[in-house]
Amino acid sequence: MEAKFLKNMKGSFTGDARLYELSKAVTFKSGYDDDDNPVQDETYFVVVSGIVAMFSGRETYIFPSDQDGNVLDWGELEGSFRGNIDHQAALANLGYEVIQ
């Protein structure tokens, strides 16, 4: 599966954030139904954000987004990790290879 770099998200996020389009949609929790069960949704777009957090150090998180980079849910997706800032590694953890 592939992740195509679309643009830097400078000014919209703290740290180094980039928007990617995925060749296969990812599933994310988009809320809860009336019975308090999680509701799932899909998107072909993610923002990968790398920051140095005050208490936990370097982190690279993947968030589901729309085509403009607006985050759809702030719960980080699988593939996110702490200990380094590496967009390609985070996307590889999720099963995607970054292409230009």
N, C-alpha and C. Protein backbone atom coordinates (compact mmCIF):
# COMPACT_ATOMS: atom_id res chain seq x y z
N MET A 1 0.85 -1.17 0.00
CA MET A 1 0.00 0.00 0.00
C MET A 1 0.90 1.24 0.00
N GLU A 2 0.38 2.30 -0.55
CA GLU A 2 1.19 3.51 -0.71
C GLU A 2 0.55 4.73 -0.03
N ALA A 3 1.43 5.62 0.42
CA ALA A 3 1.03 6.91 0.98
C ALA A 3 1.71 7.99 0.15
N LYS A 4 0.93 8.83 -0.50
CA LYS A 4 1.48 9.88 -1.36
C LYS A 4 1.52 11.20 -0.58
N PHE A 5 2.71 11.78 -0.48
CA PHE A 5 2.86 13.08 0.17
C PHE A 5 2.11 14.14 -0.65
N LEU A 6 1.27 14.94 0.03
CA LEU A 6 0.52 16.00 -0.64
C LEU A 6 1.05 17.39 -0.31
N LYS A 7 1.24 17.67 1.00
CA LYS A 7 1.73 19.00 1.36
C LYS A 7 2.14 19.05 2.83
N ASN A 8 3.01 20.04 3.13
CA ASN A 8 3.34 20.36 4.51
C ASN A 8 2.18 21.13 5.11
N MET A 9 1.97 20.93 6.39
CA MET A 9 0.87 21.59 7.09
C MET A 9 1.39 22.69 8.01
N LYS A 10 2.41 23.41 7.57
CA LYS A 10 3.01 24.48 8.36
C LYS A 10 1.95 25.52 8.74
N GLY A 11 2.00 25.92 10.00
CA GLY A 11 1.06 26.92 10.49
C GLY A 11 -0.22 26.32 11.03
N SER A 12 -0.54 25.09 10.63
CA SER A 12 -1.76 24.44 11.11
C SER A 12 -1.50 23.55 12.33
N PHE A 13 -0.25 23.13 12.51
CA PHE A 13 0.12 22.21 13.58
C PHE A 13 1.41 22.69 14.22
N THR A 14 1.66 22.25 15.44
CA THR A 14 2.95 22.42 16.08
C THR A 14 3.86 21.32 15.56
N GLY A 15 5.12 21.64 15.30
CA GLY A 15 6.05 20.62 14.84
C GLY A 15 5.99 20.43 13.33
N ASP A 16 6.41 19.26 12.89
CA ASP A 16 6.49 18.92 11.47
C ASP A 16 5.30 18.04 11.10
N ALA A 17 4.27 18.63 10.50
CA ALA A 17 3.07 17.90 10.11
C ALA A 17 2.93 17.90 8.59
N ARG A 18 2.54 16.74 8.05
CA ARG A 18 2.40 16.58 6.61
C ARG A 18 1.13 15.81 6.29
N LEU A 19 0.52 16.18 5.17
CA LEU A 19 -0.70 15.53 4.69
C LEU A 19 -0.34 14.48 3.65
N TYR A 20 -0.94 13.28 3.78
CA TYR A 20 -0.72 12.19 2.84
C TYR A 20 -2.06 11.64 2.35
N GLU A 21 -2.06 11.17 1.11
CA GLU A 21 -3.21 10.44 0.55
C GLU A 21 -2.84 8.97 0.49
N LEU A 22 -3.71 8.12 0.98
CA LEU A 22 -3.46 6.69 1.05
C LEU A 22 -4.10 5.94 -0.11
N SER A 23 -3.45 4.87 -0.55
CA SER A 23 -4.00 4.07 -1.64
C SER A 23 -5.14 3.18 -1.17
N LYS A 24 -5.20 2.90 0.13
CA LYS A 24 -6.28 2.12 0.73
C LYS A 24 -6.74 2.86 1.98
N ALA A 25 -8.03 2.99 2.15
CA ALA A 25 -8.59 3.74 3.29
C ALA A 25 -8.22 3.11 4.62
N VAL A 26 -8.09 3.96 5.64
CA VAL A 26 -7.92 3.51 7.02
C VAL A 26 -9.23 3.74 7.76
N THR A 27 -9.46 2.91 8.75
CA THR A 27 -10.66 3.00 9.58
C THR A 27 -10.31 3.72 10.87
N PHE A 28 -11.23 4.56 11.32
CA PHE A 28 -11.02 5.27 12.58
C PHE A 28 -12.35 5.42 13.31
N LYS A 29 -12.27 5.64 14.63
CA LYS A 29 -13.47 5.85 15.44
C LYS A 29 -13.93 7.28 15.23
N SER A 30 -15.16 7.45 14.78
CA SER A 30 -15.67 8.79 14.50
C SER A 30 -16.72 9.26 15.50
N GLY A 31 -16.88 8.53 16.57
CA GLY A 31 -17.85 8.92 17.59
C GLY A 31 -18.55 7.71 18.17
N TYR A 32 -19.73 7.95 18.74
CA TYR A 32 -20.50 6.89 19.38
C TYR A 32 -21.96 6.98 18.95
N ASP A 33 -22.63 5.83 18.87
CA ASP A 33 -24.05 5.83 18.53
C ASP A 33 -24.88 6.06 19.79
N ASP A 34 -26.21 5.98 19.66
CA ASP A 34 -27.11 6.25 20.78
C ASP A 34 -26.95 5.25 21.93
N ASP A 35 -26.42 4.04 21.64
CA ASP A 35 -26.21 3.03 22.66
C ASP A 35 -24.78 3.05 23.20
N ASP A 36 -24.03 4.12 22.88
CA ASP A 36 -22.66 4.32 23.34
C ASP A 36 -21.67 3.31 22.75
N ASN A 37 -21.99 2.79 21.56
CA ASN A 37 -21.08 1.92 20.84
C ASN A 37 -20.23 2.76 19.89
N PRO A 38 -18.95 2.41 19.74
CA PRO A 38 -18.10 3.18 18.81
C PRO A 38 -18.61 3.09 17.37
N VAL A 39 -18.57 4.21 16.68
CA VAL A 39 -18.93 4.28 15.27
C VAL A 39 -17.64 4.39 14.47
N GLN A 40 -17.50 3.55 13.45
CA GLN A 40 -16.30 3.53 12.62
C GLN A 40 -16.56 4.30 11.32
N ASP A 41 -15.52 4.93 10.81
CA ASP A 41 -15.58 5.62 9.53
C ASP A 41 -14.27 5.33 8.81
N GLU A 42 -14.17 5.74 7.55
CA GLU A 42 -12.96 5.53 6.75
C GLU A 42 -12.52 6.82 6.10
N THR A 43 -11.22 6.93 5.83
CA THR A 43 -10.69 8.05 5.08
C THR A 43 -9.46 7.60 4.30
N TYR A 44 -9.20 8.30 3.21
CA TYR A 44 -8.01 8.07 2.39
C TYR A 44 -6.92 9.10 2.69
N PHE A 45 -7.12 9.93 3.70
CA PHE A 45 -6.18 11.00 4.01
C PHE A 45 -5.77 10.95 5.48
N VAL A 46 -4.49 11.23 5.73
CA VAL A 46 -3.98 11.29 7.10
C VAL A 46 -3.01 12.45 7.23
N VAL A 47 -2.94 13.01 8.42
CA VAL A 47 -1.89 13.96 8.78
C VAL A 47 -0.95 13.22 9.70
N VAL A 48 0.34 13.25 9.37
CA VAL A 48 1.37 12.68 10.22
C VAL A 48 2.10 13.86 10.86
N SER A 49 2.13 13.85 12.19
CA SER A 49 2.67 14.98 12.95
C SER A 49 3.82 14.52 13.84
N GLY A 50 4.97 15.15 13.68
CA GLY A 50 6.13 14.86 14.52
C GLY A 50 6.44 16.05 15.40
N ILE A 51 6.50 15.81 16.71
CA ILE A 51 6.79 16.89 17.66
C ILE A 51 7.73 16.40 18.75
N VAL A 52 8.29 17.35 19.48
CA VAL A 52 9.01 17.05 20.71
C VAL A 52 8.11 17.53 21.84
N ALA A 53 7.46 16.59 22.52
CA ALA A 53 6.52 16.92 23.60
C ALA A 53 7.28 17.14 24.90
N MET A 54 6.77 18.04 25.72
CA MET A 54 7.45 18.45 26.94
C MET A 54 7.78 17.27 27.86
N PHE A 55 6.86 16.38 28.11
CA PHE A 55 7.07 15.33 29.09
C PHE A 55 7.43 13.97 28.49
N SER A 56 7.11 13.76 27.22
CA SER A 56 7.35 12.44 26.65
C SER A 56 8.40 12.43 25.55
N GLY A 57 8.92 13.59 25.15
CA GLY A 57 9.97 13.64 24.14
C GLY A 57 9.44 13.56 22.71
N ARG A 58 10.21 12.94 21.85
CA ARG A 58 9.86 12.87 20.42
C ARG A 58 8.69 11.91 20.19
N GLU A 59 7.75 12.35 19.36
CA GLU A 59 6.56 11.55 19.04
C GLU A 59 6.20 11.76 17.58
N THR A 60 5.72 10.71 16.94
CA THR A 60 5.19 10.82 15.58
C THR A 60 3.80 10.17 15.59
N TYR A 61 2.78 10.99 15.37
CA TYR A 61 1.40 10.53 15.43
C TYR A 61 0.73 10.65 14.08
N ILE A 62 -0.16 9.71 13.82
CA ILE A 62 -0.95 9.70 12.59
C ILE A 62 -2.41 9.96 12.97
N PHE A 63 -3.02 10.95 12.30
CA PHE A 63 -4.41 11.29 12.57
C PHE A 63 -5.22 11.19 11.27
N PRO A 64 -6.44 10.67 11.34
CA PRO A 64 -7.30 10.66 10.16
C PRO A 64 -7.71 12.09 9.82
N SER A 65 -7.75 12.39 8.52
CA SER A 65 -8.11 13.76 8.11
C SER A 65 -8.93 13.73 6.83
N ASP A 66 -9.37 14.91 6.43
CA ASP A 66 -10.00 15.05 5.12
C ASP A 66 -8.93 15.48 4.11
N GLN A 67 -9.31 15.71 2.88
CA GLN A 67 -8.37 16.04 1.81
C GLN A 67 -7.67 17.38 2.02
N ASP A 68 -8.19 18.22 2.91
CA ASP A 68 -7.58 19.52 3.19
C ASP A 68 -6.66 19.48 4.42
N GLY A 69 -6.60 18.33 5.10
CA GLY A 69 -5.77 18.21 6.29
C GLY A 69 -6.49 18.53 7.58
N ASN A 70 -7.81 18.67 7.53
CA ASN A 70 -8.59 18.89 8.75
C ASN A 70 -8.73 17.54 9.47
N VAL A 71 -8.26 17.48 10.71
CA VAL A 71 -8.29 16.23 11.47
C VAL A 71 -9.73 15.85 11.77
N LEU A 72 -10.07 14.57 11.49
CA LEU A 72 -11.43 14.06 11.70
C LEU A 72 -11.61 13.47 13.09
N ASP A 73 -10.50 13.02 13.71
CA ASP A 73 -10.53 12.48 15.06
C ASP A 73 -9.12 12.59 15.63
N TRP A 74 -8.99 13.06 16.88
CA TRP A 74 -7.68 13.28 17.48
C TRP A 74 -7.13 12.03 18.16
N GLY A 75 -7.81 10.90 18.07
CA GLY A 75 -7.25 9.64 18.56
C GLY A 75 -6.24 9.16 17.54
N GLU A 76 -4.99 8.97 17.97
CA GLU A 76 -3.96 8.60 17.00
C GLU A 76 -4.22 7.20 16.44
N LEU A 77 -3.87 7.04 15.17
CA LEU A 77 -4.04 5.77 14.49
C LEU A 77 -2.90 4.82 14.81
N GLU A 78 -3.14 3.53 14.56
CA GLU A 78 -2.09 2.52 14.66
C GLU A 78 -0.92 2.98 13.79
N GLY A 79 0.29 2.70 14.23
CA GLY A 79 1.46 3.16 13.50
C GLY A 79 2.13 4.33 14.20
N SER A 80 1.37 5.09 14.97
CA SER A 80 1.92 6.20 15.75
C SER A 80 2.89 5.64 16.78
N PHE A 81 3.92 6.43 17.12
CA PHE A 81 4.88 5.93 18.09
C PHE A 81 5.62 7.08 18.78
N ARG A 82 6.25 6.75 19.91
CA ARG A 82 7.08 7.69 20.65
C ARG A 82 8.54 7.27 20.52
N GLY A 83 9.44 8.23 20.69
CA GLY A 83 10.86 7.93 20.70
C GLY A 83 11.62 8.52 19.52
N ASN A 84 10.91 8.96 18.48
CA ASN A 84 11.56 9.53 17.32
C ASN A 84 10.53 10.32 16.50
N ILE A 85 11.03 11.16 15.61
CA ILE A 85 10.18 11.85 14.65
C ILE A 85 10.54 11.30 13.28
N ASP A 86 9.64 10.49 12.73
CA ASP A 86 9.91 9.84 11.46
C ASP A 86 8.58 9.51 10.77
N HIS A 87 8.20 10.37 9.82
CA HIS A 87 6.93 10.18 9.12
C HIS A 87 6.90 8.86 8.35
N GLN A 88 7.98 8.53 7.67
CA GLN A 88 8.01 7.30 6.88
C GLN A 88 7.90 6.07 7.77
N ALA A 89 8.56 6.08 8.92
CA ALA A 89 8.48 4.94 9.84
C ALA A 89 7.06 4.76 10.38
N ALA A 90 6.41 5.87 10.74
CA ALA A 90 5.04 5.79 11.25
C ALA A 90 4.12 5.19 10.19
N LEU A 91 4.23 5.67 8.97
CA LEU A 91 3.38 5.14 7.90
C LEU A 91 3.73 3.70 7.57
N ALA A 92 5.01 3.34 7.66
CA ALA A 92 5.41 1.94 7.47
C ALA A 92 4.81 1.06 8.56
N ASN A 93 4.77 1.56 9.80
CA ASN A 93 4.14 0.83 10.90
C ASN A 93 2.67 0.56 10.61
N LEU A 94 2.05 1.47 9.87
CA LEU A 94 0.64 1.34 9.50
C LEU A 94 0.45 0.48 8.25
N GLY A 95 1.57 0.18 7.57
CA GLY A 95 1.51 -0.70 6.40
C GLY A 95 1.62 0.02 5.06
N TYR A 96 2.10 1.27 5.07
CA TYR A 96 2.17 2.08 3.85
C TYR A 96 3.61 2.48 3.54
N GLU A 97 3.94 2.52 2.26
CA GLU A 97 5.23 3.01 1.79
C GLU A 97 5.02 4.41 1.22
N VAL A 98 5.85 5.36 1.64
CA VAL A 98 5.71 6.74 1.18
C VAL A 98 6.26 6.85 -0.24
N ILE A 99 5.46 7.47 -1.10
CA ILE A 99 5.90 7.77 -2.47
C ILE A 99 5.81 9.27 -2.66
N GLN A 100 6.52 9.78 -3.63
CA GLN A 100 6.51 11.23 -3.89
C GLN A 100 5.52 11.58 -4.97
